[in-house]
Protein backbone atom coordinates (compact mmCIF):
# COMPACT_ATOMS: atom_id res chain seq x y z
CA MET A 1 4.69 -37.76 1.46
CA TYR A 2 1.12 -38.98 1.66
CA PRO A 3 -1.46 -38.12 -1.06
CA PHE A 4 -3.41 -34.88 -0.70
CA THR A 5 -5.64 -32.53 -2.68
CA TYR A 6 -4.32 -29.09 -3.57
CA HIS A 7 -6.58 -26.02 -3.71
CA ARG A 8 -5.80 -22.44 -4.66
CA PRO A 9 -8.90 -20.43 -3.63
CA ARG A 10 -9.50 -17.07 -5.26
CA SER A 11 -10.83 -15.29 -2.18
CA LEU A 12 -10.64 -15.41 1.59
CA PRO A 13 -14.27 -16.62 1.96
CA ASP A 14 -13.51 -19.50 -0.43
CA ALA A 15 -10.45 -20.46 1.62
CA LEU A 16 -12.39 -20.35 4.87
CA ALA A 17 -15.18 -22.47 3.41
CA LEU A 18 -12.69 -25.15 2.35
CA LEU A 19 -11.04 -25.07 5.75
CA ALA A 20 -14.33 -25.36 7.64
CA ALA A 21 -15.50 -28.26 5.48
CA ASP A 22 -12.55 -30.53 6.26
CA PRO A 23 -10.94 -30.75 9.72
CA GLU A 24 -7.96 -32.58 8.18
CA ALA A 25 -7.17 -29.74 5.75
CA LYS A 26 -4.20 -27.44 6.30
CA LEU A 27 -3.48 -23.88 5.20
CA LEU A 28 -0.41 -23.38 3.01
CA ALA A 29 1.36 -20.02 2.96
CA GLY A 30 5.16 -20.23 2.71
CA GLY A 31 5.23 -23.91 3.63
CA MET A 32 8.61 -23.64 5.33
CA THR A 33 7.53 -25.98 8.14
CA LEU A 34 4.54 -27.80 6.68
CA ILE A 35 6.15 -29.09 3.48
CA PRO A 36 9.22 -30.62 5.19
CA SER A 37 6.90 -32.21 7.77
CA MET A 38 4.86 -33.74 4.97
CA LYS A 39 7.97 -34.98 3.18
CA HIS A 40 9.04 -36.79 6.34
CA ARG A 41 5.49 -38.12 6.81
CA LEU A 42 5.14 -36.28 10.10
CA ALA A 43 2.05 -34.52 8.75
CA ALA A 44 -0.63 -35.93 6.48
CA PRO A 45 -3.24 -33.27 5.62
CA SER A 46 -6.05 -34.39 3.38
CA GLN A 47 -6.04 -31.04 1.57
CA LEU A 48 -3.69 -28.11 1.19
CA ILE A 49 -5.40 -24.74 0.87
CA ASP A 50 -2.93 -22.32 -0.69
CA ILE A 51 -3.57 -18.82 0.69
CA ALA A 52 -0.25 -17.27 -0.33
CA ARG A 53 -1.72 -15.20 -3.17
CA LEU A 54 -4.94 -14.02 -1.56
CA PRO A 55 -5.05 -10.22 -1.89
CA GLU A 56 -6.86 -9.89 1.45
CA LEU A 57 -3.72 -11.16 3.21
CA HIS A 58 -1.24 -8.79 1.60
CA GLY A 59 -0.23 -5.18 2.13
CA ILE A 60 2.10 -3.20 4.36
CA ALA A 61 1.09 0.30 5.49
CA ARG A 62 1.30 2.80 8.31
CA SER A 63 -2.05 3.47 9.99
CA GLY A 64 -1.85 6.13 12.68
CA GLU A 65 0.38 4.78 15.46
CA SER A 66 0.36 1.25 14.05
CA LEU A 67 2.23 -0.62 11.35
CA VAL A 68 -0.17 -2.97 9.54
CA ILE A 69 1.26 -6.04 7.83
CA GLY A 70 -0.74 -8.63 5.94
CA ALA A 71 -0.31 -12.19 7.13
CA ALA A 72 0.91 -13.46 3.75
CA SER A 73 3.72 -10.89 3.58
CA ARG A 74 7.00 -12.68 3.03
CA TYR A 75 10.10 -12.17 5.15
CA ALA A 76 12.03 -10.65 2.27
CA GLU A 77 9.23 -8.16 1.57
CA ILE A 78 9.16 -7.04 5.21
CA ALA A 79 12.96 -6.79 5.32
CA ARG A 80 13.14 -4.38 2.39
CA HIS A 81 9.84 -2.48 2.58
CA PRO A 82 10.36 1.30 2.95
CA VAL A 83 7.40 1.74 5.31
CA VAL A 84 8.81 -0.89 7.68
CA ALA A 85 12.26 0.69 7.46
CA GLU A 86 10.80 4.07 8.39
CA SER A 87 8.29 2.97 11.04
CA LEU A 88 9.91 -0.07 12.70
CA PRO A 89 13.41 -0.74 11.36
CA ALA A 90 13.94 -3.39 14.06
CA LEU A 91 11.15 -5.44 12.50
CA ALA A 92 12.97 -5.33 9.17
CA GLN A 93 16.06 -6.46 11.09
CA VAL A 94 14.17 -9.50 12.39
CA ALA A 95 12.94 -10.45 8.93
CA ASP A 96 16.39 -10.10 7.43
CA SER A 97 17.93 -12.36 10.11
CA ILE A 98 15.75 -15.37 9.37
CA GLY A 99 17.22 -18.40 7.63
CA ASP A 100 18.73 -17.84 4.19
CA PRO A 101 17.59 -15.98 1.04
CA GLN A 102 15.50 -18.95 -0.10
CA VAL A 103 13.64 -19.11 3.21
CA ARG A 104 13.15 -15.34 3.32
CA SER A 105 11.70 -15.36 -0.18
CA ARG A 106 9.07 -17.97 0.73
CA GLY A 107 8.33 -17.75 4.45
CA THR A 108 5.45 -15.57 5.66
CA ILE A 109 4.93 -13.77 8.95
CA GLY A 110 1.47 -15.28 9.32
CA GLY A 111 2.80 -18.79 8.86
CA SER A 112 5.51 -18.20 11.43
CA ILE A 113 3.11 -16.90 14.07
CA ALA A 114 0.47 -19.55 13.36
CA ASN A 115 3.08 -22.29 13.73
CA ASN A 116 4.60 -20.71 16.87
CA ASP A 117 7.88 -22.61 16.73
CA PRO A 118 9.72 -22.01 20.03
CA ALA A 119 12.87 -21.04 18.12
CA ALA A 120 11.20 -18.72 15.58
CA ASP A 121 12.21 -15.06 15.45
CA PHE A 122 8.97 -13.20 14.73
CA PRO A 123 7.17 -14.23 17.95
CA ALA A 124 9.64 -12.14 19.98
CA ALA A 125 8.85 -9.06 17.86
CA VAL A 126 5.10 -9.66 17.90
CA LEU A 127 5.14 -9.93 21.69
CA ALA A 128 7.55 -7.06 22.40
CA LEU A 129 5.77 -4.70 19.99
CA ALA A 130 2.37 -5.39 21.59
CA ALA A 131 0.97 -6.50 18.26
CA VAL A 132 -2.69 -7.24 17.71
CA ILE A 133 -3.35 -10.32 15.60
CA ARG A 134 -6.50 -9.90 13.50
CA THR A 135 -8.07 -13.14 12.32
CA ASP A 136 -11.09 -13.85 10.15
CA ARG A 137 -13.32 -13.48 13.23
CA ARG A 138 -11.64 -11.48 16.02
CA GLU A 139 -8.62 -9.60 17.32
CA ILE A 140 -6.13 -11.22 19.72
CA ALA A 141 -3.57 -9.30 21.77
CA ALA A 142 -0.06 -10.74 21.56
CA ASP A 143 -0.03 -11.22 25.34
CA ASP A 144 -3.00 -13.59 24.98
CA TYR A 145 -1.94 -15.33 21.77
CA PHE A 146 1.12 -17.47 22.57
CA GLN A 147 0.12 -20.36 24.83
CA GLY A 148 2.78 -23.06 24.58
CA MET A 149 5.09 -24.97 22.26
CA PHE A 150 3.43 -24.89 18.82
CA THR A 151 0.23 -23.85 20.63
CA THR A 152 -1.69 -20.60 20.18
CA ALA A 153 -5.09 -19.09 20.88
CA LEU A 154 -6.20 -19.83 17.30
CA ALA A 155 -9.10 -22.18 16.72
CA ALA A 156 -8.50 -25.07 14.33
CA ASP A 157 -10.37 -23.35 11.50
CA GLU A 158 -9.22 -19.78 12.27
CA LEU A 159 -7.01 -17.84 9.89
CA ILE A 160 -4.66 -14.92 10.61
CA CYS A 161 -5.36 -11.96 8.30
CA GLU A 162 -3.04 -9.19 9.50
CA PHE A 163 -0.87 -7.82 12.28
CA ARG A 164 -1.04 -4.38 13.83
CA PHE A 165 2.25 -3.47 15.48
CA ALA A 166 2.49 -0.62 17.95
CA ILE A 167 5.16 1.87 16.84
CA ALA A 168 7.96 1.83 19.39
CA ARG A 169 10.08 4.91 19.95
CA ARG A 170 13.12 2.69 19.45
CA ALA A 171 13.72 -1.05 19.27
CA ALA A 172 16.27 -3.72 18.42
CA TYR A 173 16.62 -7.49 18.11
CA ALA A 174 19.66 -9.57 19.00
CA LYS A 175 19.91 -13.33 18.63
CA PHE A 176 22.38 -16.15 18.89
CA HIS A 177 21.48 -18.26 15.89
CA HIS A 178 22.00 -21.92 15.24
CA PRO A 179 24.85 -22.08 12.69
CA ALA A 180 23.04 -24.58 10.45
CA SER A 181 19.36 -23.68 10.58
CA GLY A 182 19.55 -20.00 11.47
CA TYR A 183 16.87 -20.50 14.12
CA ALA A 184 17.26 -18.54 17.33
CA MET A 185 18.90 -20.59 20.07
CA THR A 186 18.02 -17.47 22.03
CA GLY A 187 16.79 -14.13 20.71
CA VAL A 188 15.76 -10.97 22.56
CA PHE A 189 13.64 -8.14 21.14
CA VAL A 190 13.60 -4.89 23.12
CA ALA A 191 10.98 -2.21 22.41
CA ASP A 192 11.06 1.15 24.17
CA PHE A 193 7.75 3.05 24.14
CA GLY A 194 8.89 5.84 26.43
CA GLU A 195 6.98 5.22 29.64
CA THR A 196 7.04 1.46 29.14
CA VAL A 197 9.51 -1.09 27.80
CA ARG A 198 8.63 -4.55 26.49
CA VAL A 199 11.14 -7.38 26.14
CA GLY A 200 10.32 -10.56 24.21
CA VAL A 201 12.52 -13.65 24.49
CA THR A 202 12.41 -16.49 21.96
CA GLY A 203 14.36 -19.72 21.59
CA ALA A 204 15.14 -20.02 25.29
CA ALA A 205 11.91 -21.64 26.47
CA PRO A 206 9.13 -23.83 25.03
CA VAL A 207 7.23 -20.65 24.14
CA VAL A 208 8.14 -17.00 23.66
CA PHE A 209 7.78 -14.91 26.82
CA ARG A 210 8.18 -11.40 28.20
CA TRP A 211 11.08 -10.79 30.54
CA HIS A 212 9.36 -8.56 33.09
CA GLU A 213 12.42 -8.01 35.32
CA ALA A 214 14.35 -6.68 32.34
CA GLU A 215 11.44 -4.40 31.42
CA ALA A 216 11.30 -2.91 34.91
CA ALA A 217 15.06 -2.33 35.00
CA LEU A 218 15.05 -0.61 31.62
CA VAL A 219 12.14 1.65 32.58
CA ARG A 220 14.24 2.90 35.49
CA ARG A 221 17.30 3.39 33.30
CA PHE A 222 17.61 2.50 29.65
CA ALA A 223 21.23 1.39 29.37
CA PRO A 224 23.17 -1.90 29.14
CA GLU A 225 24.53 -1.20 32.63
CA ALA A 226 20.97 -1.26 34.02
CA VAL A 227 20.65 -4.95 33.15
CA SER A 228 24.30 -5.98 33.50
CA GLY A 229 23.63 -7.94 36.68
CA LEU A 230 20.29 -9.35 35.55
CA THR A 231 20.08 -13.14 35.26
CA LEU A 232 17.37 -15.41 33.94
CA SER A 233 16.54 -18.56 35.87
CA PRO A 234 17.28 -21.72 33.85
CA ASP A 235 14.25 -23.46 35.37
CA GLY A 236 11.87 -24.46 32.60
CA LEU A 237 14.15 -23.34 29.78
CA ASN A 238 14.96 -25.50 26.77
CA ALA A 239 17.80 -28.00 27.03
CA ASP A 240 19.00 -30.08 24.08
CA LEU A 241 22.17 -31.29 22.37
CA HIS A 242 22.86 -27.74 21.18
CA ALA A 243 22.74 -25.99 24.56
CA PRO A 244 21.73 -26.75 28.15
CA ALA A 245 19.19 -24.57 29.95
CA ALA A 246 21.87 -22.68 31.90
CA TYR A 247 23.61 -21.74 28.67
CA ARG A 248 20.40 -20.42 27.16
CA ALA A 249 19.77 -18.39 30.33
CA GLN A 250 23.21 -16.82 29.91
CA LEU A 251 22.55 -16.19 26.22
CA ALA A 252 19.35 -14.33 27.09
CA ALA A 253 21.26 -11.96 29.36
CA VAL A 254 23.94 -11.37 26.73
CA MET A 255 21.43 -10.82 23.91
CA LEU A 256 19.46 -8.42 26.14
CA ARG A 257 22.51 -6.24 26.73
CA LYS A 258 23.43 -6.45 23.05
CA ALA A 259 19.97 -5.27 21.94
CA VAL A 260 19.98 -2.37 24.42
CA ALA A 261 23.50 -1.37 23.35
CA GLN A 262 22.42 -1.45 19.71
CA ILE A 263 19.53 0.89 20.46
CA GLN A 264 21.84 3.30 22.28
CA HIS A 265 24.35 3.19 19.45
CA GLU A 266 21.68 3.92 16.85
CA GLY A 267 20.41 6.82 18.97
CA SER A 268 23.88 8.29 19.34
CA ARG A 269 24.49 7.99 15.62
CA THR A 270 21.18 9.73 14.85
CA GLN A 271 21.98 12.59 17.21
CA ALA A 272 25.43 12.97 15.67
């Protein structure tokens, strides 16, 4: 690890001033990606600006037809928060599926989305739930936010403050996780809004994406059988020592049916 200066600002304006003053500075929230990168000397920020405790970045609440979550909210907090459980239980499911207890107690949703790892879980939920990402200067729709592997619409000195998730009528997340890291080799989040359905796929490609063919099929008929013959082209999908592209394409189809079946099962249990 290379030398650096550590700052713990007391307010959001103080943090933004530090960030704007030094292009080599990095924001520190949970540090689940940044700290290991620094330990392996893959990253060498001149300063770390710790924003994990800033009150402006915390809070979870229902606001009309939206669920508002502060960017510094930790995975474990989202997984167990009663407002999340009542408004969007599938989002709590995502948070609870990430890594291990140590990771969930430190990692933050804002850090995950800012980093935009292609195998991260939260990007699928952010995209499928038509979230709006509010930064220190603007609002960005999820459809416009994710641009490529580890690449987003954020400017270098821009900071995520909160997320506003649209409340789906029903939703679920299914993933095939890497047995060691817990990352999604492929994960599919399905959100049913009634007249529309959104499907976010993570882990399969260099960046999270919507599966529009699956969305159209589920609008016509929301059932696993409606997508039983649906296949995802392996062209452009990730291929590594863990799984070739064709395998990830097959995983996406399986996880899609699993998520839809889970939604149906939960609906049947509620009606019973």
